[in-house]
Protein backbone atom coordinates (compact mmCIF):
# COMPACT_ATOMS: atom_id res chain seq x y z
CA MET A 1 1.43 4.13 17.80
CA ASN A 2 4.03 3.83 20.33
CA LEU A 3 7.71 4.66 19.81
CA LEU A 4 8.83 1.06 19.34
CA GLU A 5 6.14 0.52 16.57
CA ARG A 6 7.31 3.91 14.86
CA ARG A 7 10.94 2.65 14.89
CA LEU A 8 9.79 -0.68 13.52
CA PHE A 9 7.94 1.03 10.77
CA ILE A 10 10.87 3.09 9.77
CA SER A 11 13.38 0.36 9.91
CA PHE A 12 11.22 -1.88 8.02
CA PHE A 13 10.39 0.80 5.48
CA SER A 14 14.25 1.49 4.88
CA CYS A 15 14.60 -2.27 4.11
CA ILE A 16 11.62 -2.36 1.85
CA LEU A 17 12.94 0.33 -0.28
CA CYS A 18 15.95 -1.75 -1.03
CA ALA A 19 14.12 -4.79 -1.92
CA ALA A 20 10.60 -3.64 -2.99
CA CYS A 21 9.14 -3.64 -6.42
CA ALA A 22 6.47 -1.06 -7.13
CA GLN A 23 3.54 -1.76 -9.29
CA THR A 24 4.29 -0.54 -12.82
CA PRO A 25 1.57 1.17 -15.05
CA ALA A 26 1.34 -2.08 -17.30
CA GLU A 27 -0.04 -3.80 -14.27
CA TRP A 28 -2.54 -1.12 -13.45
CA ASP A 29 -6.23 -1.82 -14.05
CA PRO A 30 -7.85 1.48 -15.24
CA SER A 31 -11.21 0.40 -13.52
CA THR A 32 -9.56 1.05 -10.13
CA SER A 33 -8.90 4.68 -11.08
CA VAL A 34 -11.79 5.77 -8.92
CA MET A 35 -9.89 4.41 -5.97
CA GLY A 36 -6.60 6.10 -6.71
CA ASN A 37 -3.50 5.25 -8.53
CA PRO A 38 -0.29 3.21 -8.00
CA VAL A 39 2.87 5.11 -7.05
CA ALA A 40 6.48 4.22 -6.52
CA VAL A 41 7.03 2.70 -2.93
CA GLU A 42 9.78 5.49 -2.25
CA SER A 43 7.14 8.10 -2.69
CA ALA A 44 4.79 6.84 0.10
CA SER A 45 4.53 8.92 3.15
CA ARG A 46 4.10 5.97 5.41
CA VAL A 47 4.28 2.20 5.30
CA ILE A 48 1.62 -0.22 6.63
CA ILE A 49 2.70 -3.78 7.36
CA LEU A 50 0.03 -6.39 6.26
CA GLY A 51 -0.26 -9.56 7.92
CA PRO A 52 -2.59 -12.62 7.70
CA ALA A 53 -4.77 -11.17 10.46
CA THR A 54 -5.00 -7.81 8.75
CA GLU A 55 -8.75 -6.94 7.88
CA GLN A 56 -8.75 -3.19 7.29
CA VAL A 57 -6.51 -0.15 7.58
CA ASP A 58 -7.21 3.49 7.67
CA VAL A 59 -5.94 6.01 5.37
CA THR A 60 -6.85 9.59 4.27
CA GLY A 61 -7.85 10.80 0.95
CA GLY A 62 -4.73 12.27 -1.04
CA GLU A 63 -2.47 10.14 1.09
CA SER A 64 0.25 7.88 -0.54
CA VAL A 65 0.71 4.59 1.48
CA ALA A 66 3.25 1.79 0.96
CA PHE A 67 1.73 -1.67 1.97
CA ALA A 68 4.48 -4.25 3.01
CA VAL A 69 3.74 -7.93 2.64
CA GLY A 70 6.86 -10.01 3.80
CA GLU A 71 9.70 -8.83 1.71
CA LYS A 72 7.55 -7.25 -1.03
CA ALA A 73 5.63 -4.04 -1.13
CA PHE A 74 3.43 -1.90 -3.41
CA ALA A 75 2.29 1.66 -2.88
CA TRP A 76 -0.96 3.48 -3.63
CA LYS A 77 -2.04 7.09 -3.65
CA PHE A 78 -5.58 7.46 -2.54
CA ASP A 79 -6.70 10.39 -4.71
CA GLY A 80 -9.71 8.76 -6.44
CA SER A 81 -13.37 9.81 -6.24
CA PRO A 82 -14.33 11.48 -3.00
CA GLY A 83 -17.40 9.25 -2.80
CA VAL A 84 -15.15 6.08 -2.33
CA THR A 85 -14.90 5.13 1.25
CA ARG A 86 -13.58 1.63 1.08
CA VAL A 87 -10.86 0.15 -1.24
CA ASP A 88 -10.37 -3.59 -1.58
CA LEU A 89 -6.66 -3.97 -1.55
CA MET A 90 -7.01 -7.29 -3.54
CA ARG A 91 -8.07 -5.12 -6.45
CA VAL A 92 -5.13 -2.77 -6.22
CA ALA A 93 -2.16 -4.89 -5.06
CA PRO A 94 0.16 -6.58 -7.72
CA ALA A 95 -1.25 -10.00 -8.65
CA GLY A 96 -0.43 -12.74 -6.23
CA LEU A 97 0.91 -10.43 -3.57
CA LEU A 98 -2.01 -10.75 -1.11
CA ASN A 99 -2.96 -14.16 -0.33
CA HIS A 100 -6.13 -14.00 1.93
CA SER A 101 -9.60 -12.71 1.28
């Protein structure tokens, strides 16, 4: 990641913190617990901007990541089962936030 991208992420993350709504436990599907858990956007260690062309992202087990989609965001802590190597973001994102399959 180059310096411009890092600055963009930091700036965008700062804006997201003001406008984002974190996924609440009431929206959480217990069947996704093997993939991790929803967390507050503010607790994420980094932000990944999801666009229409995004097909996959790389994260590390134990990492908390905020995912930004337009002006909205959600965050997930990838601390589920060690056997899980792929997580479908459509299953863990708040309903209606992601619009591509």
